[in-house]
Amino acid sequence: AAIEEGRGIFENIRKIILYLMSDAFGEIIVVVGGIFLGLPLPITAVQILWINLISDGFPNLALTIDPKRGGIMKEKPRLSKEPLLSPWMILLISFISLASGLVALLFFYYIYRSSSDITLARSAAFATLGLNSLVYVFAVRTLTIPFWKNNLFENQWLILAVILGFSLQILPFTTPTLREFFGIKNLEINYWFVAISLSLLMFVFVEIFKLAYGLNFVKVLLRQSSK
């Protein structure tokens, strides 16, 4: 029982690190990409803090109490020298960060170039980055298996945390004082539709990537790169 509990805790720590790092590097890609393209900052420091500490803070806490995955005791014991971040996790973090950052950056770029409205473009990027991490957290919850093979409602705290995160992410757009503080404007429904659609697309991308790993395609690439 103690070994099973320890494996569950270790896996949850990995999920938290993967979620936090994917989130952070995705935001870095947006900022660096904007600078590289000679654009104004797509997202500000205070917006990044809001996403990391407020919107994503509760899902991150909910991952700490995620129930142990079924069949965890059937796996081989970990080596004492096994790193906290496996090559697969590093690859997954890289994939999520790149996809998340590029999706938000392209949305920002399209709006800014078509409207020349930096506040509108920045608002769209802020909404997209905040929402996509609240969706792909369900993919992160199952590191190597498809999300549908694990009971989605097993961790009800995570579902509540995501609902709360969505509410907190939308809050600055609906409150005049917060809109002024964050330097954003209220988005029309079509922009929210695109932001949510891009977030769902991100989730699908991550699940396809995990499926490729499960089919050994990514595993083979990792073995070849380590030789």
Protein backbone atom coordinates (compact mmCIF):
# COMPACT_ATOMS: atom_id res chain seq x y z
CA ALA A 1 0.00 0.00 0.00
CA ALA A 2 2.84 2.37 0.85
CA ILE A 3 4.59 1.66 -2.46
CA GLU A 4 1.34 2.20 -4.38
CA GLU A 5 0.75 5.48 -2.54
CA GLY A 6 4.30 6.59 -3.26
CA ARG A 7 3.92 5.85 -6.97
CA GLY A 8 0.70 7.84 -7.06
CA ILE A 9 2.30 10.84 -5.36
CA PHE A 10 5.31 10.71 -7.68
CA GLU A 11 3.07 10.63 -10.76
CA ASN A 12 1.03 13.58 -9.48
CA ILE A 13 4.22 15.58 -8.95
CA ARG A 14 5.14 14.86 -12.56
CA LYS A 15 1.71 16.04 -13.74
CA ILE A 16 2.04 19.30 -11.80
CA ILE A 17 5.52 20.00 -13.15
CA LEU A 18 4.42 19.20 -16.70
CA TYR A 19 1.38 21.47 -16.39
CA LEU A 20 3.32 24.39 -14.90
CA MET A 21 6.22 24.16 -17.32
CA SER A 22 4.01 23.79 -20.38
CA ASP A 23 2.06 26.85 -19.28
CA ALA A 24 5.16 28.94 -18.61
CA PHE A 25 7.05 28.01 -21.77
CA GLY A 26 3.94 28.58 -23.88
CA GLU A 27 3.80 32.16 -22.60
CA ILE A 28 7.51 32.60 -23.25
CA ILE A 29 7.03 31.47 -26.85
CA VAL A 30 4.27 34.05 -27.31
CA VAL A 31 6.43 36.88 -25.96
CA VAL A 32 9.63 35.85 -27.77
CA GLY A 33 7.71 35.16 -30.98
CA GLY A 34 6.15 38.61 -30.84
CA ILE A 35 9.55 40.24 -30.37
CA PHE A 36 11.03 38.17 -33.20
CA LEU A 37 8.24 39.29 -35.54
CA GLY A 38 8.69 42.91 -34.53
CA LEU A 39 5.26 43.10 -32.90
CA PRO A 40 4.16 44.84 -29.70
CA LEU A 41 4.11 42.53 -26.68
CA PRO A 42 1.23 40.08 -27.29
CA ILE A 43 0.68 39.65 -23.55
CA THR A 44 1.74 41.69 -20.52
CA ALA A 45 3.40 40.62 -17.28
CA VAL A 46 0.27 41.18 -15.19
CA GLN A 47 -1.77 39.05 -17.60
CA ILE A 48 0.79 36.24 -17.35
CA LEU A 49 0.65 36.40 -13.55
CA TRP A 50 -3.14 36.22 -13.62
CA ILE A 51 -3.10 33.10 -15.79
CA ASN A 52 -0.38 31.34 -13.79
CA LEU A 53 -1.49 32.21 -10.26
CA ILE A 54 -5.24 32.69 -10.51
CA SER A 55 -6.83 30.94 -13.51
CA ASP A 56 -4.49 27.92 -13.52
CA GLY A 57 -3.77 27.94 -9.79
CA PHE A 58 -6.82 25.93 -8.77
CA PRO A 59 -6.45 23.17 -11.41
CA ASN A 60 -2.82 22.89 -10.39
CA LEU A 61 -3.85 22.34 -6.76
CA ALA A 62 -6.48 19.80 -7.84
CA LEU A 63 -3.80 17.73 -9.58
CA THR A 64 -2.07 17.23 -6.22
CA ILE A 65 -4.99 15.08 -5.04
CA ASP A 66 -5.60 13.24 -8.31
CA PRO A 67 -6.52 9.60 -7.54
CA LYS A 68 -4.00 6.89 -8.30
CA ARG A 69 -4.19 5.54 -11.83
CA GLY A 70 -5.46 2.00 -12.23
CA GLY A 71 -2.73 -0.53 -12.98
CA ILE A 72 0.03 1.62 -11.52
CA MET A 73 1.36 -1.35 -9.53
CA LYS A 74 1.70 -3.44 -12.70
CA GLU A 75 4.46 -1.17 -13.96
CA LYS A 76 8.13 -1.93 -13.45
CA PRO A 77 9.80 -0.31 -10.41
CA ARG A 78 11.51 2.99 -11.16
CA LEU A 79 15.28 3.10 -11.11
CA SER A 80 16.78 5.15 -8.28
CA LYS A 81 18.57 7.33 -10.84
CA GLU A 82 15.48 7.90 -12.97
CA PRO A 83 15.04 11.67 -13.49
CA LEU A 84 11.88 13.46 -12.42
CA LEU A 85 11.33 14.53 -16.02
CA SER A 86 11.56 11.58 -18.41
CA PRO A 87 12.51 12.11 -22.08
CA TRP A 88 8.84 11.59 -22.95
CA MET A 89 7.74 14.29 -20.50
CA ILE A 90 10.31 16.75 -21.87
CA LEU A 91 9.04 16.03 -25.38
CA LEU A 92 5.43 16.47 -24.26
CA ILE A 93 6.22 19.76 -22.50
CA SER A 94 7.96 20.99 -25.65
CA PHE A 95 5.03 19.99 -27.84
CA ILE A 96 2.36 21.56 -25.60
CA SER A 97 4.38 24.77 -25.11
CA LEU A 98 5.06 25.18 -28.81
CA ALA A 99 1.47 24.45 -29.86
CA SER A 100 -0.03 26.65 -27.13
CA GLY A 101 2.32 29.55 -27.84
CA LEU A 102 1.94 29.42 -31.61
CA VAL A 103 -1.87 29.20 -31.47
CA ALA A 104 -2.11 32.31 -29.26
CA LEU A 105 0.57 34.17 -31.23
CA LEU A 106 -1.11 33.51 -34.60
CA PHE A 107 -4.47 34.65 -33.22
CA PHE A 108 -2.83 37.82 -31.90
CA TYR A 109 -1.02 38.41 -35.19
CA TYR A 110 -4.15 37.97 -37.28
CA ILE A 111 -6.22 40.39 -35.21
CA TYR A 112 -3.46 42.98 -34.91
CA ARG A 113 -2.68 42.96 -38.64
CA SER A 114 -6.34 43.05 -39.66
CA SER A 115 -7.52 45.69 -37.17
CA SER A 116 -4.35 47.51 -35.95
CA ASP A 117 -6.03 47.38 -32.53
CA ILE A 118 -3.33 46.28 -30.08
CA THR A 119 -5.76 46.18 -27.15
CA LEU A 120 -8.14 43.87 -29.01
CA ALA A 121 -5.31 41.62 -30.21
CA ARG A 122 -3.79 41.45 -26.73
CA SER A 123 -7.20 40.67 -25.23
CA ALA A 124 -7.63 37.75 -27.64
CA ALA A 125 -4.18 36.36 -26.84
CA PHE A 126 -4.85 36.70 -23.10
CA ALA A 127 -8.17 34.86 -23.43
CA THR A 128 -6.69 32.09 -25.59
CA LEU A 129 -3.69 31.41 -23.36
CA GLY A 130 -5.87 31.42 -20.26
CA LEU A 131 -8.47 29.06 -21.68
CA ASN A 132 -6.29 26.53 -23.49
CA SER A 133 -4.41 25.48 -20.36
CA LEU A 134 -7.75 24.97 -18.59
CA VAL A 135 -8.71 22.51 -21.34
CA TYR A 136 -5.47 20.59 -21.88
CA VAL A 137 -5.13 19.97 -18.13
CA PHE A 138 -7.42 16.96 -18.73
CA ALA A 139 -4.89 15.61 -21.24
CA VAL A 140 -2.02 16.26 -18.83
CA ARG A 141 -3.87 14.34 -16.12
CA THR A 142 -3.22 11.09 -18.00
CA LEU A 143 0.43 11.35 -18.98
CA THR A 144 0.71 8.42 -21.37
CA ILE A 145 -2.80 7.09 -21.97
CA PRO A 146 -5.83 8.64 -23.73
CA PHE A 147 -7.99 10.74 -21.40
CA TRP A 148 -11.08 8.59 -22.08
CA LYS A 149 -9.36 5.53 -20.56
CA ASN A 150 -9.38 7.25 -17.18
CA ASN A 151 -12.60 8.24 -15.41
CA LEU A 152 -13.03 11.95 -16.14
CA PHE A 153 -15.20 12.43 -13.05
CA GLU A 154 -12.88 10.57 -10.69
CA ASN A 155 -11.29 13.85 -9.63
CA GLN A 156 -14.32 16.08 -9.09
CA TRP A 157 -12.10 18.74 -7.53
CA LEU A 158 -10.34 19.16 -10.86
CA ILE A 159 -13.64 19.71 -12.67
CA LEU A 160 -14.67 22.31 -10.09
CA ALA A 161 -11.23 23.92 -10.31
CA VAL A 162 -11.48 24.19 -14.11
CA ILE A 163 -14.97 25.73 -13.88
CA LEU A 164 -13.65 28.22 -11.34
CA GLY A 165 -10.62 28.88 -13.54
CA PHE A 166 -12.87 29.62 -16.53
CA SER A 167 -14.92 32.02 -14.42
CA LEU A 168 -11.81 33.80 -13.17
CA GLN A 169 -10.35 34.03 -16.68
CA ILE A 170 -13.54 35.65 -17.99
CA LEU A 171 -13.90 37.96 -14.96
CA PRO A 172 -11.39 40.66 -16.08
CA PHE A 173 -13.24 41.02 -19.40
CA THR A 174 -16.59 41.66 -17.73
CA THR A 175 -15.45 44.07 -15.02
CA PRO A 176 -14.64 47.66 -16.10
CA THR A 177 -12.08 48.20 -13.34
CA LEU A 178 -10.23 44.98 -14.16
CA ARG A 179 -10.40 45.69 -17.90
CA GLU A 180 -8.59 48.95 -17.30
CA PHE A 181 -6.10 47.31 -14.94
CA PHE A 182 -5.23 44.53 -17.41
CA GLY A 183 -5.31 46.79 -20.46
CA ILE A 184 -7.93 44.71 -22.27
CA LYS A 185 -11.39 45.20 -23.76
CA ASN A 186 -14.51 43.08 -23.64
CA LEU A 187 -14.41 40.56 -26.47
CA GLU A 188 -17.33 39.95 -28.79
CA ILE A 189 -18.80 36.47 -28.87
CA ASN A 190 -17.06 35.53 -32.12
CA TYR A 191 -13.63 36.08 -30.53
CA TRP A 192 -14.61 33.91 -27.56
CA PHE A 193 -15.80 31.24 -29.98
CA VAL A 194 -12.40 31.24 -31.72
CA ALA A 195 -10.51 31.20 -28.39
CA ILE A 196 -12.54 28.24 -27.11
CA SER A 197 -12.24 26.42 -30.45
CA LEU A 198 -8.46 26.87 -30.44
CA SER A 199 -8.34 25.56 -26.86
CA LEU A 200 -10.28 22.44 -27.84
CA LEU A 201 -8.01 22.02 -30.85
CA MET A 202 -5.01 22.16 -28.50
CA PHE A 203 -6.56 19.37 -26.45
CA VAL A 204 -7.01 17.24 -29.58
CA PHE A 205 -3.39 17.89 -30.62
CA VAL A 206 -2.09 16.73 -27.24
CA GLU A 207 -4.26 13.60 -27.27
CA ILE A 208 -3.07 12.70 -30.79
CA PHE A 209 0.52 13.16 -29.65
CA LYS A 210 -0.10 10.88 -26.65
CA LEU A 211 -1.79 8.35 -28.92
CA ALA A 212 1.31 8.32 -31.15
CA TYR A 213 3.35 7.58 -28.02
CA GLY A 214 1.01 4.75 -27.08
CA LEU A 215 1.39 3.27 -30.57
CA ASN A 216 5.19 3.26 -30.02
CA PHE A 217 5.83 5.76 -32.83
CA VAL A 218 7.19 8.42 -30.48
CA LYS A 219 8.92 5.80 -28.32
CA VAL A 220 10.96 4.65 -31.31
CA LEU A 221 11.98 8.22 -32.09
CA LEU A 222 13.06 8.76 -28.48
CA ARG A 223 15.16 5.59 -28.48
CA GLN A 224 16.84 6.56 -31.75
CA SER A 225 17.62 10.08 -30.52
CA SER A 226 19.18 8.72 -27.31
CA LYS A 227 21.63 6.49 -29.21
